[in-house]
Amino acid sequence: INWIKSFFLCFRKQRVKLNGFFSEWNDVI
C-alpha cells in the first residue's frame, strides 16, 4: 500500500495553462 501510494497516487501535482498563463499548482486527489 505504501509503495502504491508513493509511486502511483500521492505527491502528484497539476496546473492549467490558459492563454499563456499558468494556474497555481494543486494536489491531484
PDB file of all heavy atoms in Angstrom:
ATOM      1  N   ILE A   1       0.841  -1.203   0.000  1.00  0.00           N
ATOM      2  CA  ILE A   1       0.000   0.000   0.000  1.00  0.00           C
ATOM      3  C   ILE A   1       0.871   1.247   0.000  1.00  0.00           C
ATOM      4  O   ILE A   1       0.616   2.194  -0.756  1.00  0.00           O
ATOM      5  CB  ILE A   1      -0.974  -0.012   1.201  1.00  0.00           C
ATOM      6  CG1 ILE A   1      -2.008  -1.121   1.033  1.00  0.00           C
ATOM      7  CG2 ILE A   1      -1.667   1.351   1.335  1.00  0.00           C
ATOM      8  CD1 ILE A   1      -2.935  -1.309   2.222  1.00  0.00           C
ATOM      9  N   ASN A   2       1.901   1.267   0.812  1.00  0.00           N
ATOM     10  CA  ASN A   2       2.804   2.421   0.843  1.00  0.00           C
ATOM     11  C   ASN A   2       3.526   2.600  -0.488  1.00  0.00           C
ATOM     12  O   ASN A   2       3.742   3.729  -0.947  1.00  0.00           O
ATOM     13  CB  ASN A   2       3.816   2.289   1.982  1.00  0.00           C
ATOM     14  CG  ASN A   2       3.189   2.593   3.322  1.00  0.00           C
ATOM     15  OD1 ASN A   2       2.229   3.349   3.417  1.00  0.00           O
ATOM     16  ND2 ASN A   2       3.734   1.997   4.362  1.00  0.00           N
ATOM     17  N   TRP A   3       3.891   1.506  -1.135  1.00  0.00           N
ATOM     18  CA  TRP A   3       4.535   1.582  -2.442  1.00  0.00           C
ATOM     19  C   TRP A   3       3.576   2.171  -3.471  1.00  0.00           C
ATOM     20  O   TRP A   3       3.950   3.052  -4.249  1.00  0.00           O
ATOM     21  CB  TRP A   3       5.021   0.199  -2.872  1.00  0.00           C
ATOM     22  CG  TRP A   3       5.680   0.200  -4.206  1.00  0.00           C
ATOM     23  CD1 TRP A   3       6.956   0.575  -4.487  1.00  0.00           C
ATOM     24  CD2 TRP A   3       5.076  -0.174  -5.443  1.00  0.00           C
ATOM     25  NE1 TRP A   3       7.193   0.448  -5.834  1.00  0.00           N
ATOM     26  CE2 TRP A   3       6.061  -0.010  -6.445  1.00  0.00           C
ATOM     27  CE3 TRP A   3       3.811  -0.640  -5.801  1.00  0.00           C
ATOM     28  CZ2 TRP A   3       5.804  -0.282  -7.774  1.00  0.00           C
ATOM     29  CZ3 TRP A   3       3.556  -0.918  -7.136  1.00  0.00           C
ATOM     30  CH2 TRP A   3       4.546  -0.740  -8.104  1.00  0.00           C
ATOM     31  N   ILE A   4       2.344   1.689  -3.477  1.00  0.00           N
ATOM     32  CA  ILE A   4       1.327   2.214  -4.402  1.00  0.00           C
ATOM     33  C   ILE A   4       1.112   3.693  -4.146  1.00  0.00           C
ATOM     34  O   ILE A   4       1.040   4.503  -5.072  1.00  0.00           O
ATOM     35  CB  ILE A   4       0.008   1.419  -4.263  1.00  0.00           C
ATOM     36  CG1 ILE A   4       0.181   0.005  -4.815  1.00  0.00           C
ATOM     37  CG2 ILE A   4      -1.135   2.142  -4.973  1.00  0.00           C
ATOM     38  CD1 ILE A   4      -0.971  -0.925  -4.485  1.00  0.00           C
ATOM     39  N   LYS A   5       1.010   4.046  -2.881  1.00  0.00           N
ATOM     40  CA  LYS A   5       0.809   5.448  -2.501  1.00  0.00           C
ATOM     41  C   LYS A   5       1.951   6.317  -3.022  1.00  0.00           C
ATOM     42  O   LYS A   5       1.718   7.354  -3.644  1.00  0.00           O
ATOM     43  CB  LYS A   5       0.711   5.552  -0.980  1.00  0.00           C
ATOM     44  CG  LYS A   5       0.532   6.938  -0.464  1.00  0.00           C
ATOM     45  CD  LYS A   5       0.434   6.900   1.054  1.00  0.00           C
ATOM     46  CE  LYS A   5       0.300   8.285   1.630  1.00  0.00           C
ATOM     47  NZ  LYS A   5       0.197   8.255   3.098  1.00  0.00           N
ATOM     48  N   SER A   6       3.176   5.901  -2.790  1.00  0.00           N
ATOM     49  CA  SER A   6       4.336   6.701  -3.180  1.00  0.00           C
ATOM     50  C   SER A   6       4.538   6.745  -4.691  1.00  0.00           C
ATOM     51  O   SER A   6       4.843   7.791  -5.257  1.00  0.00           O
ATOM     52  CB  SER A   6       5.601   6.137  -2.541  1.00  0.00           C
ATOM     53  OG  SER A   6       5.530   6.237  -1.149  1.00  0.00           O
ATOM     54  N   PHE A   7       4.370   5.608  -5.334  1.00  0.00           N
ATOM     55  CA  PHE A   7       4.695   5.526  -6.753  1.00  0.00           C
ATOM     56  C   PHE A   7       3.565   6.000  -7.664  1.00  0.00           C
ATOM     57  O   PHE A   7       3.793   6.660  -8.664  1.00  0.00           O
ATOM     58  CB  PHE A   7       5.080   4.094  -7.122  1.00  0.00           C
ATOM     59  CG  PHE A   7       5.568   3.951  -8.530  1.00  0.00           C
ATOM     60  CD1 PHE A   7       6.813   4.442  -8.887  1.00  0.00           C
ATOM     61  CD2 PHE A   7       4.785   3.352  -9.490  1.00  0.00           C
ATOM     62  CE1 PHE A   7       7.270   4.322 -10.191  1.00  0.00           C
ATOM     63  CE2 PHE A   7       5.236   3.224 -10.795  1.00  0.00           C
ATOM     64  CZ  PHE A   7       6.484   3.714 -11.149  1.00  0.00           C
ATOM     65  N   PHE A   8       2.322   5.656  -7.331  1.00  0.00           N
ATOM     66  CA  PHE A   8       1.208   5.894  -8.245  1.00  0.00           C
ATOM     67  C   PHE A   8       0.321   7.070  -7.891  1.00  0.00           C
ATOM     68  O   PHE A   8      -0.195   7.736  -8.769  1.00  0.00           O
ATOM     69  CB  PHE A   8       0.301   4.654  -8.331  1.00  0.00           C
ATOM     70  CG  PHE A   8       0.822   3.601  -9.237  1.00  0.00           C
ATOM     71  CD1 PHE A   8       1.550   2.549  -8.740  1.00  0.00           C
ATOM     72  CD2 PHE A   8       0.590   3.654 -10.592  1.00  0.00           C
ATOM     73  CE1 PHE A   8       2.037   1.564  -9.572  1.00  0.00           C
ATOM     74  CE2 PHE A   8       1.077   2.685 -11.443  1.00  0.00           C
ATOM     75  CZ  PHE A   8       1.798   1.637 -10.925  1.00  0.00           C
ATOM     76  N   LEU A   9       0.072   7.289  -6.614  1.00  0.00           N
ATOM     77  CA  LEU A   9      -1.043   8.149  -6.282  1.00  0.00           C
ATOM     78  C   LEU A   9      -0.685   9.477  -5.624  1.00  0.00           C
ATOM     79  O   LEU A   9      -1.228  10.506  -5.994  1.00  0.00           O
ATOM     80  CB  LEU A   9      -2.021   7.384  -5.379  1.00  0.00           C
ATOM     81  CG  LEU A   9      -2.562   6.081  -5.967  1.00  0.00           C
ATOM     82  CD1 LEU A   9      -3.481   5.399  -4.983  1.00  0.00           C
ATOM     83  CD2 LEU A   9      -3.290   6.332  -7.273  1.00  0.00           C
ATOM     84  N   CYS A  10       0.158   9.469  -4.647  1.00  0.00           N
ATOM     85  CA  CYS A  10       0.385  10.679  -3.861  1.00  0.00           C
ATOM     86  C   CYS A  10       1.536  11.515  -4.416  1.00  0.00           C
ATOM     87  O   CYS A  10       2.336  11.052  -5.221  1.00  0.00           O
ATOM     88  CB  CYS A  10       0.634  10.314  -2.410  1.00  0.00           C
ATOM     89  SG  CYS A  10      -0.830   9.571  -1.682  1.00  0.00           S
ATOM     90  N   PHE A  11       1.565  12.715  -3.964  1.00  0.00           N
ATOM     91  CA  PHE A  11       2.618  13.665  -4.320  1.00  0.00           C
ATOM     92  C   PHE A  11       2.580  14.048  -5.792  1.00  0.00           C
ATOM     93  O   PHE A  11       3.574  14.473  -6.350  1.00  0.00           O
ATOM     94  CB  PHE A  11       4.004  13.131  -3.924  1.00  0.00           C
ATOM     95  CG  PHE A  11       4.036  12.532  -2.551  1.00  0.00           C
ATOM     96  CD1 PHE A  11       4.274  11.178  -2.373  1.00  0.00           C
ATOM     97  CD2 PHE A  11       3.776  13.308  -1.430  1.00  0.00           C
ATOM     98  CE1 PHE A  11       4.284  10.619  -1.107  1.00  0.00           C
ATOM     99  CE2 PHE A  11       3.790  12.753  -0.160  1.00  0.00           C
ATOM    100  CZ  PHE A  11       4.043  11.412  -0.002  1.00  0.00           C
ATOM    101  N   ARG A  12       1.428  13.926  -6.413  1.00  0.00           N
ATOM    102  CA  ARG A  12       1.258  14.370  -7.794  1.00  0.00           C
ATOM    103  C   ARG A  12       0.607  15.750  -7.777  1.00  0.00           C
ATOM    104  O   ARG A  12      -0.257  16.031  -6.968  1.00  0.00           O
ATOM    105  CB  ARG A  12       0.392  13.390  -8.586  1.00  0.00           C
ATOM    106  CG  ARG A  12       1.066  12.050  -8.786  1.00  0.00           C
ATOM    107  CD  ARG A  12       0.204  11.133  -9.639  1.00  0.00           C
ATOM    108  NE  ARG A  12       0.880   9.881  -9.868  1.00  0.00           N
ATOM    109  CZ  ARG A  12       1.612   9.619 -10.945  1.00  0.00           C
ATOM    110  NH1 ARG A  12       1.743  10.522 -11.882  1.00  0.00           N
ATOM    111  NH2 ARG A  12       2.201   8.455 -11.078  1.00  0.00           N
ATOM    112  N   LYS A  13       1.037  16.584  -8.691  1.00  0.00           N
ATOM    113  CA  LYS A  13       0.527  17.956  -8.790  1.00  0.00           C
ATOM    114  C   LYS A  13       0.070  18.204 -10.219  1.00  0.00           C
ATOM    115  O   LYS A  13       0.507  17.538 -11.160  1.00  0.00           O
ATOM    116  CB  LYS A  13       1.629  18.957  -8.427  1.00  0.00           C
ATOM    117  CG  LYS A  13       2.233  18.782  -7.052  1.00  0.00           C
ATOM    118  CD  LYS A  13       1.607  19.725  -6.110  1.00  0.00           C
ATOM    119  CE  LYS A  13       2.303  19.644  -4.758  1.00  0.00           C
ATOM    120  NZ  LYS A  13       1.499  20.188  -3.730  1.00  0.00           N
ATOM    121  N   GLN A  14      -0.798  19.196 -10.355  1.00  0.00           N
ATOM    122  CA  GLN A  14      -1.232  19.590 -11.686  1.00  0.00           C
ATOM    123  C   GLN A  14      -1.494  21.088 -11.708  1.00  0.00           C
ATOM    124  O   GLN A  14      -1.736  21.700 -10.676  1.00  0.00           O
ATOM    125  CB  GLN A  14      -2.493  18.841 -12.108  1.00  0.00           C
ATOM    126  CG  GLN A  14      -3.729  19.214 -11.321  1.00  0.00           C
ATOM    127  CD  GLN A  14      -4.951  18.429 -11.786  1.00  0.00           C
ATOM    128  OE1 GLN A  14      -4.868  17.501 -12.567  1.00  0.00           O
ATOM    129  NE2 GLN A  14      -6.106  18.811 -11.277  1.00  0.00           N
ATOM    130  N   ARG A  15      -1.426  21.651 -12.905  1.00  0.00           N
ATOM    131  CA  ARG A  15      -1.800  23.051 -13.100  1.00  0.00           C
ATOM    132  C   ARG A  15      -2.321  23.201 -14.512  1.00  0.00           C
ATOM    133  O   ARG A  15      -2.148  22.323 -15.356  1.00  0.00           O
ATOM    134  CB  ARG A  15      -0.641  24.000 -12.817  1.00  0.00           C
ATOM    135  CG  ARG A  15       0.502  23.913 -13.788  1.00  0.00           C
ATOM    136  CD  ARG A  15       1.580  24.890 -13.414  1.00  0.00           C
ATOM    137  NE  ARG A  15       2.706  24.778 -14.337  1.00  0.00           N
ATOM    138  CZ  ARG A  15       3.706  25.615 -14.346  1.00  0.00           C
ATOM    139  NH1 ARG A  15       3.736  26.606 -13.485  1.00  0.00           N
ATOM    140  NH2 ARG A  15       4.684  25.456 -15.209  1.00  0.00           N
ATOM    141  N   VAL A  16      -2.944  24.309 -14.779  1.00  0.00           N
ATOM    142  CA  VAL A  16      -3.586  24.558 -16.067  1.00  0.00           C
ATOM    143  C   VAL A  16      -2.923  25.759 -16.728  1.00  0.00           C
ATOM    144  O   VAL A  16      -2.604  26.747 -16.062  1.00  0.00           O
ATOM    145  CB  VAL A  16      -5.097  24.834 -15.872  1.00  0.00           C
ATOM    146  CG1 VAL A  16      -5.763  25.183 -17.189  1.00  0.00           C
ATOM    147  CG2 VAL A  16      -5.771  23.644 -15.228  1.00  0.00           C
ATOM    148  N   LYS A  17      -2.724  25.660 -18.029  1.00  0.00           N
ATOM    149  CA  LYS A  17      -2.216  26.792 -18.804  1.00  0.00           C
ATOM    150  C   LYS A  17      -3.341  27.286 -19.702  1.00  0.00           C
ATOM    151  O   LYS A  17      -3.937  26.520 -20.458  1.00  0.00           O
ATOM    152  CB  LYS A  17      -1.021  26.363 -19.649  1.00  0.00           C
ATOM    153  CG  LYS A  17      -0.436  27.497 -20.465  1.00  0.00           C
ATOM    154  CD  LYS A  17       0.759  27.016 -21.283  1.00  0.00           C
ATOM    155  CE  LYS A  17       1.326  28.147 -22.124  1.00  0.00           C
ATOM    156  NZ  LYS A  17       2.453  27.681 -22.958  1.00  0.00           N
ATOM    157  N   LEU A  18      -3.642  28.575 -19.585  1.00  0.00           N
ATOM    158  CA  LEU A  18      -4.710  29.177 -20.382  1.00  0.00           C
ATOM    159  C   LEU A  18      -4.221  30.528 -20.885  1.00  0.00           C
ATOM    160  O   LEU A  18      -3.848  31.390 -20.074  1.00  0.00           O
ATOM    161  CB  LEU A  18      -5.984  29.333 -19.551  1.00  0.00           C
ATOM    162  CG  LEU A  18      -7.190  29.938 -20.251  1.00  0.00           C
ATOM    163  CD1 LEU A  18      -7.663  29.049 -21.396  1.00  0.00           C
ATOM    164  CD2 LEU A  18      -8.323  30.172 -19.266  1.00  0.00           C
ATOM    165  N   ASN A  19      -4.226  30.684 -22.187  1.00  0.00           N
ATOM    166  CA  ASN A  19      -3.769  31.933 -22.814  1.00  0.00           C
ATOM    167  C   ASN A  19      -2.379  32.347 -22.341  1.00  0.00           C
ATOM    168  O   ASN A  19      -2.111  33.517 -22.067  1.00  0.00           O
ATOM    169  CB  ASN A  19      -4.771  33.065 -22.555  1.00  0.00           C
ATOM    170  CG  ASN A  19      -6.110  32.811 -23.208  1.00  0.00           C
ATOM    171  OD1 ASN A  19      -6.188  32.179 -24.266  1.00  0.00           O
ATOM    172  ND2 ASN A  19      -7.172  33.262 -22.582  1.00  0.00           N
ATOM    173  N   GLY A  20      -1.503  31.372 -22.186  1.00  0.00           N
ATOM    174  CA  GLY A  20      -0.132  31.661 -21.814  1.00  0.00           C
ATOM    175  C   GLY A  20       0.105  31.841 -20.325  1.00  0.00           C
ATOM    176  O   GLY A  20       1.228  32.071 -19.894  1.00  0.00           O
ATOM    177  N   PHE A  21      -0.940  31.775 -19.515  1.00  0.00           N
ATOM    178  CA  PHE A  21      -0.810  31.943 -18.069  1.00  0.00           C
ATOM    179  C   PHE A  21      -1.057  30.614 -17.363  1.00  0.00           C
ATOM    180  O   PHE A  21      -1.933  29.845 -17.759  1.00  0.00           O
ATOM    181  CB  PHE A  21      -1.803  32.998 -17.546  1.00  0.00           C
ATOM    182  CG  PHE A  21      -1.537  34.371 -18.078  1.00  0.00           C
ATOM    183  CD1 PHE A  21      -2.214  34.834 -19.196  1.00  0.00           C
ATOM    184  CD2 PHE A  21      -0.599  35.188 -17.474  1.00  0.00           C
ATOM    185  CE1 PHE A  21      -1.971  36.100 -19.701  1.00  0.00           C
ATOM    186  CE2 PHE A  21      -0.344  36.451 -17.976  1.00  0.00           C
ATOM    187  CZ  PHE A  21      -1.026  36.914 -19.091  1.00  0.00           C
ATOM    188  N   PHE A  22      -0.301  30.375 -16.304  1.00  0.00           N
ATOM    189  CA  PHE A  22      -0.420  29.144 -15.539  1.00  0.00           C
ATOM    190  C   PHE A  22      -1.182  29.381 -14.242  1.00  0.00           C
ATOM    191  O   PHE A  22      -1.001  30.407 -13.582  1.00  0.00           O
ATOM    192  CB  PHE A  22       0.963  28.569 -15.191  1.00  0.00           C
ATOM    193  CG  PHE A  22       1.685  28.006 -16.372  1.00  0.00           C
ATOM    194  CD1 PHE A  22       2.612  28.758 -17.069  1.00  0.00           C
ATOM    195  CD2 PHE A  22       1.429  26.701 -16.792  1.00  0.00           C
ATOM    196  CE1 PHE A  22       3.290  28.235 -18.157  1.00  0.00           C
ATOM    197  CE2 PHE A  22       2.101  26.169 -17.881  1.00  0.00           C
ATOM    198  CZ  PHE A  22       3.027  26.937 -18.561  1.00  0.00           C
ATOM    199  N   SER A  23      -1.994  28.403 -13.872  1.00  0.00           N
ATOM    200  CA  SER A  23      -2.656  28.437 -12.570  1.00  0.00           C
ATOM    201  C   SER A  23      -1.664  28.014 -11.493  1.00  0.00           C
ATOM    202  O   SER A  23      -0.543  27.604 -11.794  1.00  0.00           O
ATOM    203  CB  SER A  23      -3.861  27.482 -12.561  1.00  0.00           C
ATOM    204  OG  SER A  23      -3.400  26.139 -12.625  1.00  0.00           O
ATOM    205  N   GLU A  24      -2.081  28.092 -10.258  1.00  0.00           N
ATOM    206  CA  GLU A  24      -1.273  27.581  -9.147  1.00  0.00           C
ATOM    207  C   GLU A  24      -1.223  26.058  -9.235  1.00  0.00           C
ATOM    208  O   GLU A  24      -2.127  25.418  -9.770  1.00  0.00           O
ATOM    209  CB  GLU A  24      -1.904  27.985  -7.804  1.00  0.00           C
ATOM    210  CG  GLU A  24      -1.940  29.473  -7.556  1.00  0.00           C
ATOM    211  CD  GLU A  24      -0.562  30.065  -7.358  1.00  0.00           C
ATOM    212  OE1 GLU A  24       0.289  29.386  -6.738  1.00  0.00           O
ATOM    213  OE2 GLU A  24      -0.334  31.190  -7.833  1.00  0.00           O
ATOM    214  N   TRP A  25      -0.170  25.459  -8.698  1.00  0.00           N
ATOM    215  CA  TRP A  25      -0.089  24.005  -8.613  1.00  0.00           C
ATOM    216  C   TRP A  25      -1.067  23.504  -7.563  1.00  0.00           C
ATOM    217  O   TRP A  25      -1.209  24.104  -6.509  1.00  0.00           O
ATOM    218  CB  TRP A  25       1.327  23.565  -8.218  1.00  0.00           C
ATOM    219  CG  TRP A  25       2.307  23.690  -9.342  1.00  0.00           C
ATOM    220  CD1 TRP A  25       3.200  24.704  -9.540  1.00  0.00           C
ATOM    221  CD2 TRP A  25       2.496  22.780 -10.415  1.00  0.00           C
ATOM    222  NE1 TRP A  25       3.941  24.478 -10.671  1.00  0.00           N
ATOM    223  CE2 TRP A  25       3.536  23.304 -11.232  1.00  0.00           C
ATOM    224  CE3 TRP A  25       1.904  21.578 -10.775  1.00  0.00           C
ATOM    225  CZ2 TRP A  25       3.985  22.659 -12.373  1.00  0.00           C
ATOM    226  CZ3 TRP A  25       2.362  20.944 -11.918  1.00  0.00           C
ATOM    227  CH2 TRP A  25       3.375  21.479 -12.698  1.00  0.00           C
ATOM    228  N   ASN A  26      -1.777  22.417  -7.869  1.00  0.00           N
ATOM    229  CA  ASN A  26      -2.725  21.801  -6.939  1.00  0.00           C
ATOM    230  C   ASN A  26      -2.451  20.305  -6.846  1.00  0.00           C
ATOM    231  O   ASN A  26      -2.007  19.679  -7.809  1.00  0.00           O
ATOM    232  CB  ASN A  26      -4.173  22.015  -7.402  1.00  0.00           C
ATOM    233  CG  ASN A  26      -4.611  23.446  -7.225  1.00  0.00           C
ATOM    234  OD1 ASN A  26      -4.646  23.935  -6.115  1.00  0.00           O
ATOM    235  ND2 ASN A  26      -4.913  24.114  -8.323  1.00  0.00           N
ATOM    236  N   ASP A  27      -2.762  19.749  -5.679  1.00  0.00           N
ATOM    237  CA  ASP A  27      -2.618  18.307  -5.489  1.00  0.00           C
ATOM    238  C   ASP A  27      -3.652  17.563  -6.313  1.00  0.00           C
ATOM    239  O   ASP A  27      -4.794  18.004  -6.443  1.00  0.00           O
ATOM    240  CB  ASP A  27      -2.818  17.928  -4.011  1.00  0.00           C
ATOM    241  CG  ASP A  27      -1.717  18.456  -3.123  1.00  0.00           C
ATOM    242  OD1 ASP A  27      -0.575  18.581  -3.599  1.00  0.00           O
ATOM    243  OD2 ASP A  27      -2.002  18.743  -1.946  1.00  0.00           O
ATOM    244  N   VAL A  28      -3.262  16.430  -6.865  1.00  0.00           N
ATOM    245  CA  VAL A  28      -4.184  15.543  -7.560  1.00  0.00           C
ATOM    246  C   VAL A  28      -4.707  14.564  -6.512  1.00  0.00           C
ATOM    247  O   VAL A  28      -3.942  13.796  -5.936  1.00  0.00           O
ATOM    248  CB  VAL A  28      -3.477  14.780  -8.703  1.00  0.00           C
ATOM    249  CG1 VAL A  28      -4.430  13.792  -9.358  1.00  0.00           C
ATOM    250  CG2 VAL A  28      -2.926  15.759  -9.723  1.00  0.00           C
ATOM    251  N   ILE A  29      -6.017  14.612  -6.229  1.00  0.00           N
ATOM    252  CA  ILE A  29      -6.584  13.791  -5.151  1.00  0.00           C
ATOM    253  C   ILE A  29      -7.425  12.631  -5.664  1.00  0.00           C
ATOM    254  O   ILE A  29      -7.946  11.840  -4.871  1.00  0.00           O
ATOM    255  CB  ILE A  29      -7.418  14.651  -4.185  1.00  0.00           C
ATOM    256  CG1 ILE A  29      -8.563  15.337  -4.926  1.00  0.00           C
ATOM    257  CG2 ILE A  29      -6.535  15.673  -3.475  1.00  0.00           C
ATOM    258  CD1 ILE A  29      -9.558  16.020  -4.028  1.00  0.00           C
TER     259      ILE A  29
END
